[in-house]
Amino acid sequence: MSQNWTPPPASGGGSATVPNYMVPAIISIFCCWPLAMPLAIPAIIFAAQVNSKLAAGDTAGAEDSSKKAKMFSFIAIGLGVLGILVYVIMLVLGVGLSAMGNR
């Protein structure tokens, strides 16, 4: 009369994993400080919302916040890298032009 025990099925058809993109959001705020600041702050806010929405069972809201966090953080990083490149190019051109002017 022994019965085999089987675990109950997971609720909701399985637990969804949604990336929160907190690491790129934090990198964007420190790496690209002055130029991309208006985009890095919303990236951190949306990244912080992902886990709480998942815990509340709002998978669609968590996915939406995840997409927005990804978008804002990658645009902020891109603008920061672009700003650094423009600064370096202007620095090289400025030093090169001033060296040619001293001859």
PDB file of N, CA and C in Angstrom:
ATOM      1  N   MET A   1       0.803  -1.187   0.000  1.00  0.00           N
ATOM      2  CA  MET A   1       0.000   0.000   0.000  1.00  0.00           C
ATOM      3  C   MET A   1       0.852   1.260   0.000  1.00  0.00           C
ATOM      4  N   SER A   2       2.003   1.147  -0.455  1.00  0.00           N
ATOM      5  CA  SER A   2       2.901   2.294  -0.528  1.00  0.00           C
ATOM      6  C   SER A   2       2.638   3.061  -1.820  1.00  0.00           C
ATOM      7  N   GLN A   3       2.542   4.380  -1.694  1.00  0.00           N
ATOM      8  CA  GLN A   3       2.333   5.230  -2.864  1.00  0.00           C
ATOM      9  C   GLN A   3       3.559   6.113  -3.060  1.00  0.00           C
ATOM     10  N   ASN A   4       3.894   6.319  -4.297  1.00  0.00           N
ATOM     11  CA  ASN A   4       4.997   7.225  -4.599  1.00  0.00           C
ATOM     12  C   ASN A   4       4.503   8.662  -4.538  1.00  0.00           C
ATOM     13  N   TRP A   5       5.293   9.491  -3.904  1.00  0.00           N
ATOM     14  CA  TRP A   5       4.931  10.895  -3.780  1.00  0.00           C
ATOM     15  C   TRP A   5       5.485  11.663  -4.964  1.00  0.00           C
ATOM     16  N   THR A   6       4.665  12.483  -5.571  1.00  0.00           N
ATOM     17  CA  THR A   6       5.129  13.356  -6.656  1.00  0.00           C
ATOM     18  C   THR A   6       4.941  14.802  -6.212  1.00  0.00           C
ATOM     19  N   PRO A   7       5.918  15.635  -6.489  1.00  0.00           N
ATOM     20  CA  PRO A   7       5.792  17.037  -6.076  1.00  0.00           C
ATOM     21  C   PRO A   7       4.691  17.735  -6.856  1.00  0.00           C
ATOM     22  N   PRO A   8       4.068  18.748  -6.262  1.00  0.00           N
ATOM     23  CA  PRO A   8       3.006  19.471  -6.970  1.00  0.00           C
ATOM     24  C   PRO A   8       3.591  20.282  -8.116  1.00  0.00           C
ATOM     25  N   PRO A   9       2.808  20.524  -9.149  1.00  0.00           N
ATOM     26  CA  PRO A   9       3.307  21.326 -10.269  1.00  0.00           C
ATOM     27  C   PRO A   9       3.535  22.768  -9.837  1.00  0.00           C
ATOM     28  N   ALA A  10       4.458  23.414 -10.509  1.00  0.00           N
ATOM     29  CA  ALA A  10       4.758  24.815 -10.202  1.00  0.00           C
ATOM     30  C   ALA A  10       3.560  25.683 -10.542  1.00  0.00           C
ATOM     31  N   SER A  11       3.309  26.679  -9.725  1.00  0.00           N
ATOM     32  CA  SER A  11       2.157  27.542  -9.949  1.00  0.00           C
ATOM     33  C   SER A  11       2.399  28.450 -11.151  1.00  0.00           C
ATOM     34  N   GLY A  12       1.381  28.665 -11.912  1.00  0.00           N
ATOM     35  CA  GLY A  12       1.470  29.567 -13.055  1.00  0.00           C
ATOM     36  C   GLY A  12       2.235  28.994 -14.226  1.00  0.00           C
ATOM     37  N   GLY A  13       2.454  27.715 -14.267  1.00  0.00           N
ATOM     38  CA  GLY A  13       3.148  27.120 -15.395  1.00  0.00           C
ATOM     39  C   GLY A  13       4.649  27.301 -15.337  1.00  0.00           C
ATOM     40  N   GLY A  14       5.177  27.642 -14.195  1.00  0.00           N
ATOM     41  CA  GLY A  14       6.626  27.817 -14.072  1.00  0.00           C
ATOM     42  C   GLY A  14       6.964  29.252 -13.694  1.00  0.00           C
ATOM     43  N   SER A  15       8.066  29.412 -13.039  1.00  0.00           N
ATOM     44  CA  SER A  15       8.462  30.754 -12.625  1.00  0.00           C
ATOM     45  C   SER A  15       9.222  31.435 -13.767  1.00  0.00           C
ATOM     46  N   ALA A  16       8.853  32.657 -14.021  1.00  0.00           N
ATOM     47  CA  ALA A  16       9.488  33.409 -15.098  1.00  0.00           C
ATOM     48  C   ALA A  16      10.726  34.106 -14.556  1.00  0.00           C
ATOM     49  N   THR A  17      11.763  34.098 -15.345  1.00  0.00           N
ATOM     50  CA  THR A  17      12.957  34.850 -14.989  1.00  0.00           C
ATOM     51  C   THR A  17      13.097  35.995 -15.974  1.00  0.00           C
ATOM     52  N   VAL A  18      13.132  37.174 -15.439  1.00  0.00           N
ATOM     53  CA  VAL A  18      13.249  38.374 -16.253  1.00  0.00           C
ATOM     54  C   VAL A  18      14.511  39.103 -15.798  1.00  0.00           C
ATOM     55  N   PRO A  19      15.440  39.392 -16.709  1.00  0.00           N
ATOM     56  CA  PRO A  19      16.659  40.109 -16.298  1.00  0.00           C
ATOM     57  C   PRO A  19      16.313  41.539 -15.895  1.00  0.00           C
ATOM     58  N   ASN A  20      16.982  42.027 -14.847  1.00  0.00           N
ATOM     59  CA  ASN A  20      16.652  43.379 -14.388  1.00  0.00           C
ATOM     60  C   ASN A  20      17.620  44.443 -14.899  1.00  0.00           C
ATOM     61  N   TYR A  21      18.753  44.089 -15.469  1.00  0.00           N
ATOM     62  CA  TYR A  21      19.718  45.020 -16.054  1.00  0.00           C
ATOM     63  C   TYR A  21      20.189  46.083 -15.059  1.00  0.00           C
ATOM     64  N   MET A  22      20.332  45.693 -13.792  1.00  0.00           N
ATOM     65  CA  MET A  22      20.805  46.639 -12.785  1.00  0.00           C
ATOM     66  C   MET A  22      22.290  46.965 -12.979  1.00  0.00           C
ATOM     67  N   VAL A  23      23.082  45.969 -13.357  1.00  0.00           N
ATOM     68  CA  VAL A  23      24.522  46.202 -13.529  1.00  0.00           C
ATOM     69  C   VAL A  23      24.802  47.200 -14.656  1.00  0.00           C
ATOM     70  N   PRO A  24      24.221  47.058 -15.859  1.00  0.00           N
ATOM     71  CA  PRO A  24      24.464  48.087 -16.878  1.00  0.00           C
ATOM     72  C   PRO A  24      23.937  49.465 -16.458  1.00  0.00           C
ATOM     73  N   ALA A  25      22.845  49.489 -15.694  1.00  0.00           N
ATOM     74  CA  ALA A  25      22.312  50.780 -15.256  1.00  0.00           C
ATOM     75  C   ALA A  25      23.282  51.478 -14.306  1.00  0.00           C
ATOM     76  N   ILE A  26      23.881  50.720 -13.399  1.00  0.00           N
ATOM     77  CA  ILE A  26      24.844  51.304 -12.471  1.00  0.00           C
ATOM     78  C   ILE A  26      26.124  51.696 -13.207  1.00  0.00           C
ATOM     79  N   ILE A  27      26.552  50.868 -14.144  1.00  0.00           N
ATOM     80  CA  ILE A  27      27.737  51.215 -14.937  1.00  0.00           C
ATOM     81  C   ILE A  27      27.489  52.503 -15.720  1.00  0.00           C
ATOM     82  N   SER A  28      26.292  52.660 -16.244  1.00  0.00           N
ATOM     83  CA  SER A  28      26.000  53.860 -17.032  1.00  0.00           C
ATOM     84  C   SER A  28      26.011  55.118 -16.180  1.00  0.00           C
ATOM     85  N   ILE A  29      25.633  55.010 -14.921  1.00  0.00           N
ATOM     86  CA  ILE A  29      25.610  56.227 -14.099  1.00  0.00           C
ATOM     87  C   ILE A  29      27.014  56.610 -13.643  1.00  0.00           C
ATOM     88  N   PHE A  30      27.911  55.637 -13.463  1.00  0.00           N
ATOM     89  CA  PHE A  30      29.265  55.963 -13.016  1.00  0.00           C
ATOM     90  C   PHE A  30      30.216  56.207 -14.186  1.00  0.00           C
ATOM     91  N   CYS A  31      30.052  55.472 -15.254  1.00  0.00           N
ATOM     92  CA  CYS A  31      30.966  55.568 -16.390  1.00  0.00           C
ATOM     93  C   CYS A  31      30.688  56.816 -17.229  1.00  0.00           C
ATOM     94  N   CYS A  32      29.469  57.184 -17.339  1.00  0.00           N
ATOM     95  CA  CYS A  32      29.073  58.256 -18.245  1.00  0.00           C
ATOM     96  C   CYS A  32      28.402  59.375 -17.465  1.00  0.00           C
ATOM     97  N   TRP A  33      29.052  59.854 -16.436  1.00  0.00           N
ATOM     98  CA  TRP A  33      28.451  60.735 -15.439  1.00  0.00           C
ATOM     99  C   TRP A  33      27.749  61.966 -16.005  1.00  0.00           C
ATOM    100  N   PRO A  34      28.417  62.937 -16.597  1.00  0.00           N
ATOM    101  CA  PRO A  34      27.689  64.175 -16.882  1.00  0.00           C
ATOM    102  C   PRO A  34      26.787  64.094 -18.104  1.00  0.00           C
ATOM    103  N   LEU A  35      27.202  63.370 -19.112  1.00  0.00           N
ATOM    104  CA  LEU A  35      26.476  63.385 -20.377  1.00  0.00           C
ATOM    105  C   LEU A  35      25.195  62.559 -20.329  1.00  0.00           C
ATOM    106  N   ALA A  36      25.268  61.391 -19.739  1.00  0.00           N
ATOM    107  CA  ALA A  36      24.150  60.462 -19.804  1.00  0.00           C
ATOM    108  C   ALA A  36      23.371  60.370 -18.498  1.00  0.00           C
ATOM    109  N   MET A  37      23.567  61.299 -17.591  1.00  0.00           N
ATOM    110  CA  MET A  37      22.886  61.268 -16.302  1.00  0.00           C
ATOM    111  C   MET A  37      21.355  61.247 -16.429  1.00  0.00           C
ATOM    112  N   PRO A  38      20.751  62.050 -17.327  1.00  0.00           N
ATOM    113  CA  PRO A  38      19.289  62.005 -17.425  1.00  0.00           C
ATOM    114  C   PRO A  38      18.747  60.656 -17.894  1.00  0.00           C
ATOM    115  N   LEU A  39      19.557  59.839 -18.524  1.00  0.00           N
ATOM    116  CA  LEU A  39      19.106  58.520 -18.962  1.00  0.00           C
ATOM    117  C   LEU A  39      19.474  57.432 -17.972  1.00  0.00           C
ATOM    118  N   ALA A  40      20.529  57.632 -17.200  1.00  0.00           N
ATOM    119  CA  ALA A  40      20.976  56.608 -16.266  1.00  0.00           C
ATOM    120  C   ALA A  40      20.055  56.502 -15.053  1.00  0.00           C
ATOM    121  N   ILE A  41      19.494  57.599 -14.616  1.00  0.00           N
ATOM    122  CA  ILE A  41      18.603  57.565 -13.446  1.00  0.00           C
ATOM    123  C   ILE A  41      17.328  56.775 -13.743  1.00  0.00           C
ATOM    124  N   PRO A  42      16.629  57.012 -14.867  1.00  0.00           N
ATOM    125  CA  PRO A  42      15.467  56.161 -15.158  1.00  0.00           C
ATOM    126  C   PRO A  42      15.845  54.691 -15.361  1.00  0.00           C
ATOM    127  N   ALA A  43      17.057  54.439 -15.876  1.00  0.00           N
ATOM    128  CA  ALA A  43      17.488  53.048 -16.045  1.00  0.00           C
ATOM    129  C   ALA A  43      17.569  52.346 -14.694  1.00  0.00           C
ATOM    130  N   ILE A  44      18.096  53.018 -13.690  1.00  0.00           N
ATOM    131  CA  ILE A  44      18.177  52.419 -12.355  1.00  0.00           C
ATOM    132  C   ILE A  44      16.791  52.259 -11.753  1.00  0.00           C
ATOM    133  N   ILE A  45      15.915  53.226 -11.960  1.00  0.00           N
ATOM    134  CA  ILE A  45      14.556  53.131 -11.412  1.00  0.00           C
ATOM    135  C   ILE A  45      13.813  51.951 -12.029  1.00  0.00           C
ATOM    136  N   PHE A  46      13.875  51.800 -13.349  1.00  0.00           N
ATOM    137  CA  PHE A  46      13.178  50.686 -14.000  1.00  0.00           C
ATOM    138  C   PHE A  46      13.807  49.352 -13.634  1.00  0.00           C
ATOM    139  N   ALA A  47      15.137  49.311 -13.493  1.00  0.00           N
ATOM    140  CA  ALA A  47      15.802  48.066 -13.109  1.00  0.00           C
ATOM    141  C   ALA A  47      15.404  47.648 -11.697  1.00  0.00           C
ATOM    142  N   ALA A  48      15.185  48.618 -10.829  1.00  0.00           N
ATOM    143  CA  ALA A  48      14.780  48.295  -9.457  1.00  0.00           C
ATOM    144  C   ALA A  48      13.338  47.813  -9.387  1.00  0.00           C
ATOM    145  N   GLN A  49      12.523  48.141 -10.348  1.00  0.00           N
ATOM    146  CA  GLN A  49      11.118  47.732 -10.349  1.00  0.00           C
ATOM    147  C   GLN A  49      10.903  46.291 -10.796  1.00  0.00           C
ATOM    148  N   VAL A  50      11.871  45.702 -11.488  1.00  0.00           N
ATOM    149  CA  VAL A  50      11.669  44.391 -12.104  1.00  0.00           C
ATOM    150  C   VAL A  50      11.404  43.311 -11.055  1.00  0.00           C
ATOM    151  N   ASN A  51      12.264  43.213 -10.043  1.00  0.00           N
ATOM    152  CA  ASN A  51      12.121  42.135  -9.062  1.00  0.00           C
ATOM    153  C   ASN A  51      10.846  42.273  -8.234  1.00  0.00           C
ATOM    154  N   SER A  52      10.461  43.495  -7.890  1.00  0.00           N
ATOM    155  CA  SER A  52       9.244  43.661  -7.096  1.00  0.00           C
ATOM    156  C   SER A  52       7.996  43.325  -7.917  1.00  0.00           C
ATOM    157  N   LYS A  53       8.025  43.642  -9.195  1.00  0.00           N
ATOM    158  CA  LYS A  53       6.879  43.288 -10.037  1.00  0.00           C
ATOM    159  C   LYS A  53       6.790  41.785 -10.248  1.00  0.00           C
ATOM    160  N   LEU A  54       7.941  41.124 -10.371  1.00  0.00           N
ATOM    161  CA  LEU A  54       7.931  39.668 -10.480  1.00  0.00           C
ATOM    162  C   LEU A  54       7.405  39.026  -9.209  1.00  0.00           C
ATOM    163  N   ALA A  55       7.810  39.556  -8.058  1.00  0.00           N
ATOM    164  CA  ALA A  55       7.349  39.006  -6.784  1.00  0.00           C
ATOM    165  C   ALA A  55       5.845  39.189  -6.609  1.00  0.00           C
ATOM    166  N   ALA A  56       5.306  40.257  -7.173  1.00  0.00           N
ATOM    167  CA  ALA A  56       3.871  40.501  -7.089  1.00  0.00           C
ATOM    168  C   ALA A  56       3.090  39.702  -8.122  1.00  0.00           C
ATOM    169  N   GLY A  57       3.793  39.032  -9.024  1.00  0.00           N
ATOM    170  CA  GLY A  57       3.131  38.225 -10.042  1.00  0.00           C
ATOM    171  C   GLY A  57       2.849  38.965 -11.335  1.00  0.00           C
ATOM    172  N   ASP A  58       3.334  40.181 -11.464  1.00  0.00           N
ATOM    173  CA  ASP A  58       3.116  40.986 -12.660  1.00  0.00           C
ATOM    174  C   ASP A  58       4.259  40.748 -13.643  1.00  0.00           C
ATOM    175  N   THR A  59       4.186  39.631 -14.361  1.00  0.00           N
ATOM    176  CA  THR A  59       5.253  39.276 -15.291  1.00  0.00           C
ATOM    177  C   THR A  59       5.318  40.243 -16.467  1.00  0.00           C
ATOM    178  N   ALA A  60       4.170  40.667 -16.970  1.00  0.00           N
ATOM    179  CA  ALA A  60       4.160  41.605 -18.098  1.00  0.00           C
ATOM    180  C   ALA A  60       4.767  42.948 -17.693  1.00  0.00           C
ATOM    181  N   GLY A  61       4.437  43.411 -16.506  1.00  0.00           N
ATOM    182  CA  GLY A  61       5.011  44.665 -16.023  1.00  0.00           C
ATOM    183  C   GLY A  61       6.507  44.551 -15.791  1.00  0.00           C
ATOM    184  N   ALA A  62       6.944  43.381 -15.293  1.00  0.00           N
ATOM    185  CA  ALA A  62       8.372  43.156 -15.073  1.00  0.00           C
ATOM    186  C   ALA A  62       9.126  43.137 -16.399  1.00  0.00           C
ATOM    187  N   GLU A  63       8.552  42.515 -17.420  1.00  0.00           N
ATOM    188  CA  GLU A  63       9.190  42.494 -18.733  1.00  0.00           C
ATOM    189  C   GLU A  63       9.252  43.894 -19.338  1.00  0.00           C
ATOM    190  N   ASP A  64       8.210  44.686 -19.138  1.00  0.00           N
ATOM    191  CA  ASP A  64       8.203  46.056 -19.644  1.00  0.00           C
ATOM    192  C   ASP A  64       9.270  46.896 -18.944  1.00  0.00           C
ATOM    193  N   SER A  65       9.356  46.781 -17.629  1.00  0.00           N
ATOM    194  CA  SER A  65      10.383  47.519 -16.890  1.00  0.00           C
ATOM    195  C   SER A  65      11.781  47.062 -17.283  1.00  0.00           C
ATOM    196  N   SER A  66      11.935  45.764 -17.554  1.00  0.00           N
ATOM    197  CA  SER A  66      13.228  45.230 -17.971  1.00  0.00           C
ATOM    198  C   SER A  66      13.646  45.800 -19.323  1.00  0.00           C
ATOM    199  N   LYS A  67      12.706  45.860 -20.258  1.00  0.00           N
ATOM    200  CA  LYS A  67      13.006  46.424 -21.579  1.00  0.00           C
ATOM    201  C   LYS A  67      13.381  47.902 -21.482  1.00  0.00           C
ATOM    202  N   LYS A  68      12.670  48.642 -20.630  1.00  0.00           N
ATOM    203  CA  LYS A  68      12.971  50.061 -20.474  1.00  0.00           C
ATOM    204  C   LYS A  68      14.318  50.271 -19.798  1.00  0.00           C
ATOM    205  N   ALA A  69      14.631  49.447 -18.795  1.00  0.00           N
ATOM    206  CA  ALA A  69      15.932  49.558 -18.120  1.00  0.00           C
ATOM    207  C   ALA A  69      17.058  49.254 -19.092  1.00  0.00           C
ATOM    208  N   LYS A  70      16.873  48.242 -19.924  1.00  0.00           N
ATOM    209  CA  LYS A  70      17.889  47.889 -20.923  1.00  0.00           C
ATOM    210  C   LYS A  70      18.077  49.034 -21.916  1.00  0.00           C
ATOM    211  N   MET A  71      16.978  49.581 -22.409  1.00  0.00           N
ATOM    212  CA  MET A  71      17.046  50.645 -23.391  1.00  0.00           C
ATOM    213  C   MET A  71      17.750  51.879 -22.825  1.00  0.00           C
ATOM    214  N   PHE A  72      17.306  52.333 -21.646  1.00  0.00           N
ATOM    215  CA  PHE A  72      17.895  53.543 -21.059  1.00  0.00           C
ATOM    216  C   PHE A  72      19.365  53.348 -20.715  1.00  0.00           C
ATOM    217  N   SER A  73      19.716  52.186 -20.169  1.00  0.00           N
ATOM    218  CA  SER A  73      21.112  51.999 -19.761  1.00  0.00           C
ATOM    219  C   SER A  73      22.032  51.877 -20.971  1.00  0.00           C
ATOM    220  N   PHE A  74      21.612  51.185 -22.022  1.00  0.00           N
ATOM    221  CA  PHE A  74      22.475  51.044 -23.189  1.00  0.00           C
ATOM    222  C   PHE A  74      22.582  52.351 -23.988  1.00  0.00           C
ATOM    223  N   ILE A  75      21.513  53.135 -24.033  1.00  0.00           N
ATOM    224  CA  ILE A  75      21.612  54.441 -24.683  1.00  0.00           C
ATOM    225  C   ILE A  75      22.531  55.348 -23.879  1.00  0.00           C
ATOM    226  N   ALA A  76      22.440  55.297 -22.550  1.00  0.00           N
ATOM    227  CA  ALA A  76      23.305  56.120 -21.706  1.00  0.00           C
ATOM    228  C   ALA A  76      24.768  55.724 -21.867  1.00  0.00           C
ATOM    229  N   ILE A  77      25.037  54.427 -21.907  1.00  0.00           N
ATOM    230  CA  ILE A  77      26.419  53.969 -22.099  1.00  0.00           C
ATOM    231  C   ILE A  77      26.916  54.388 -23.477  1.00  0.00           C
ATOM    232  N   GLY A  78      26.077  54.255 -24.494  1.00  0.00           N
ATOM    233  CA  GLY A  78      26.468  54.663 -25.843  1.00  0.00           C
ATOM    234  C   GLY A  78      26.773  56.152 -25.932  1.00  0.00           C
ATOM    235  N   LEU A  79      25.934  56.975 -25.313  1.00  0.00           N
ATOM    236  CA  LEU A  79      26.196  58.412 -25.321  1.00  0.00           C
ATOM    237  C   LEU A  79      27.461  58.753 -24.539  1.00  0.00           C
ATOM    238  N   GLY A  80      27.685  58.053 -23.448  1.00  0.00           N
ATOM    239  CA  GLY A  80      28.899  58.292 -22.670  1.00  0.00           C
ATOM    240  C   GLY A  80      30.155  57.929 -23.436  1.00  0.00           C
ATOM    241  N   VAL A  81      30.138  56.790 -24.117  1.00  0.00           N
ATOM    242  CA  VAL A  81      31.296  56.375 -24.915  1.00  0.00           C
ATOM    243  C   VAL A  81      31.503  57.346 -26.077  1.00  0.00           C
ATOM    244  N   LEU A  82      30.417  57.766 -26.704  1.00  0.00           N
ATOM    245  CA  LEU A  82      30.511  58.739 -27.789  1.00  0.00           C
ATOM    246  C   LEU A  82      31.100  60.059 -27.285  1.00  0.00           C
ATOM    247  N   GLY A  83      30.660  60.506 -26.121  1.00  0.00           N
ATOM    248  CA  GLY A  83      31.203  61.738 -25.551  1.00  0.00           C
ATOM    249  C   GLY A  83      32.679  61.628 -25.229  1.00  0.00           C
ATOM    250  N   ILE A  84      33.093  60.479 -24.708  1.00  0.00           N
ATOM    251  CA  ILE A  84      34.511  60.269 -24.409  1.00  0.00           C
ATOM    252  C   ILE A  84      35.330  60.264 -25.696  1.00  0.00           C
ATOM    253  N   LEU A  85      34.817  59.613 -26.743  1.00  0.00           N
ATOM    254  CA  LEU A  85      35.534  59.588 -28.021  1.00  0.00           C
ATOM    255  C   LEU A  85      35.665  60.982 -28.621  1.00  0.00           C
ATOM    256  N   VAL A  86      34.598  61.754 -28.569  1.00  0.00           N
ATOM    257  CA  VAL A  86      34.655  63.123 -29.099  1.00  0.00           C
ATOM    258  C   VAL A  86      35.653  63.947 -28.295  1.00  0.00           C
ATOM    259  N   TYR A  87      35.667  63.781 -26.990  1.00  0.00           N
ATOM    260  CA  TYR A  87      36.623  64.508 -26.145  1.00  0.00           C
ATOM    261  C   TYR A  87      38.059  64.143 -26.498  1.00  0.00           C
ATOM    262  N   VAL A  88      38.320  62.847 -26.677  1.00  0.00           N
ATOM    263  CA  VAL A  88      39.683  62.413 -27.011  1.00  0.00           C
ATOM    264  C   VAL A  88      40.092  62.926 -28.385  1.00  0.00           C
ATOM    265  N   ILE A  89      39.181  62.882 -29.345  1.00  0.00           N
ATOM    266  CA  ILE A  89      39.498  63.386 -30.692  1.00  0.00           C
ATOM    267  C   ILE A  89      39.776  64.884 -30.648  1.00  0.00           C
ATOM    268  N   MET A  90      38.955  65.619 -29.918  1.00  0.00           N
ATOM    269  CA  MET A  90      39.185  67.062 -29.812  1.00  0.00           C
ATOM    270  C   MET A  90      40.483  67.361 -29.083  1.00  0.00           C
ATOM    271  N   LEU A  91      40.818  66.562 -28.102  1.00  0.00           N
ATOM    272  CA  LEU A  91      42.067  66.756 -27.368  1.00  0.00           C
ATOM    273  C   LEU A  91      43.262  66.498 -28.278  1.00  0.00           C
ATOM    274  N   VAL A  92      43.205  65.428 -29.065  1.00  0.00           N
ATOM    275  CA  VAL A  92      44.305  65.110 -29.979  1.00  0.00           C
ATOM    276  C   VAL A  92      44.432  66.174 -31.063  1.00  0.00           C
ATOM    277  N   LEU A  93      43.310  66.582 -31.630  1.00  0.00           N
ATOM    278  CA  LEU A  93      43.360  67.615 -32.657  1.00  0.00           C
ATOM    279  C   LEU A  93      43.826  68.950 -32.092  1.00  0.00           C
ATOM    280  N   GLY A  94      43.397  69.269 -30.888  1.00  0.00           N
ATOM    281  CA  GLY A  94      43.815  70.522 -30.277  1.00  0.00           C
ATOM    282  C   GLY A  94      45.297  70.555 -29.976  1.00  0.00           C
ATOM    283  N   VAL A  95      45.812  69.462 -29.476  1.00  0.00           N
ATOM    284  CA  VAL A  95      47.247  69.395 -29.181  1.00  0.00           C
ATOM    285  C   VAL A  95      48.034  69.401 -30.483  1.00  0.00           C
ATOM    286  N   GLY A  96      47.547  68.692 -31.471  1.00  0.00           N
ATOM    287  CA  GLY A  96      48.244  68.644 -32.763  1.00  0.00           C
ATOM    288  C   GLY A  96      48.250  69.993 -33.454  1.00  0.00           C
ATOM    289  N   LEU A  97      47.122  70.693 -33.426  1.00  0.00           N
ATOM    290  CA  LEU A  97      47.057  72.007 -34.065  1.00  0.00           C
ATOM    291  C   LEU A  97      47.879  73.040 -33.324  1.00  0.00           C
ATOM    292  N   SER A  98      47.896  72.975 -32.004  1.00  0.00           N
ATOM    293  CA  SER A  98      48.691  73.941 -31.261  1.00  0.00           C
ATOM    294  C   SER A  98      50.171  73.674 -31.444  1.00  0.00           C
ATOM    295  N   ALA A  99      50.576  72.419 -31.609  1.00  0.00           N
ATOM    296  CA  ALA A  99      51.984  72.099 -31.852  1.00  0.00           C
ATOM    297  C   ALA A  99      52.408  72.598 -33.244  1.00  0.00           C
ATOM    298  N   MET A 100      51.501  72.527 -34.220  1.00  0.00           N
ATOM    299  CA  MET A 100      51.840  73.010 -35.557  1.00  0.00           C
ATOM    300  C   MET A 100      51.894  74.529 -35.591  1.00  0.00           C
ATOM    301  N   GLY A 101      51.120  75.179 -34.754  1.00  0.00           N
ATOM    302  CA  GLY A 101      51.093  76.635 -34.734  1.00  0.00           C
ATOM    303  C   GLY A 101      52.327  77.231 -34.090  1.00  0.00           C
ATOM    304  N   ASN A 102      53.055  76.464 -33.292  1.00  0.00           N
ATOM    305  CA  ASN A 102      54.253  76.971 -32.612  1.00  0.00           C
ATOM    306  C   ASN A 102      55.490  76.941 -33.494  1.00  0.00           C
ATOM    307  N   ARG A 103      55.397  76.415 -34.686  1.00  0.00           N
ATOM    308  CA  ARG A 103      56.581  76.314 -35.561  1.00  0.00           C
ATOM    309  C   ARG A 103      56.885  77.582 -36.238  1.00  0.00           C
TER     310      ARG A 103
END
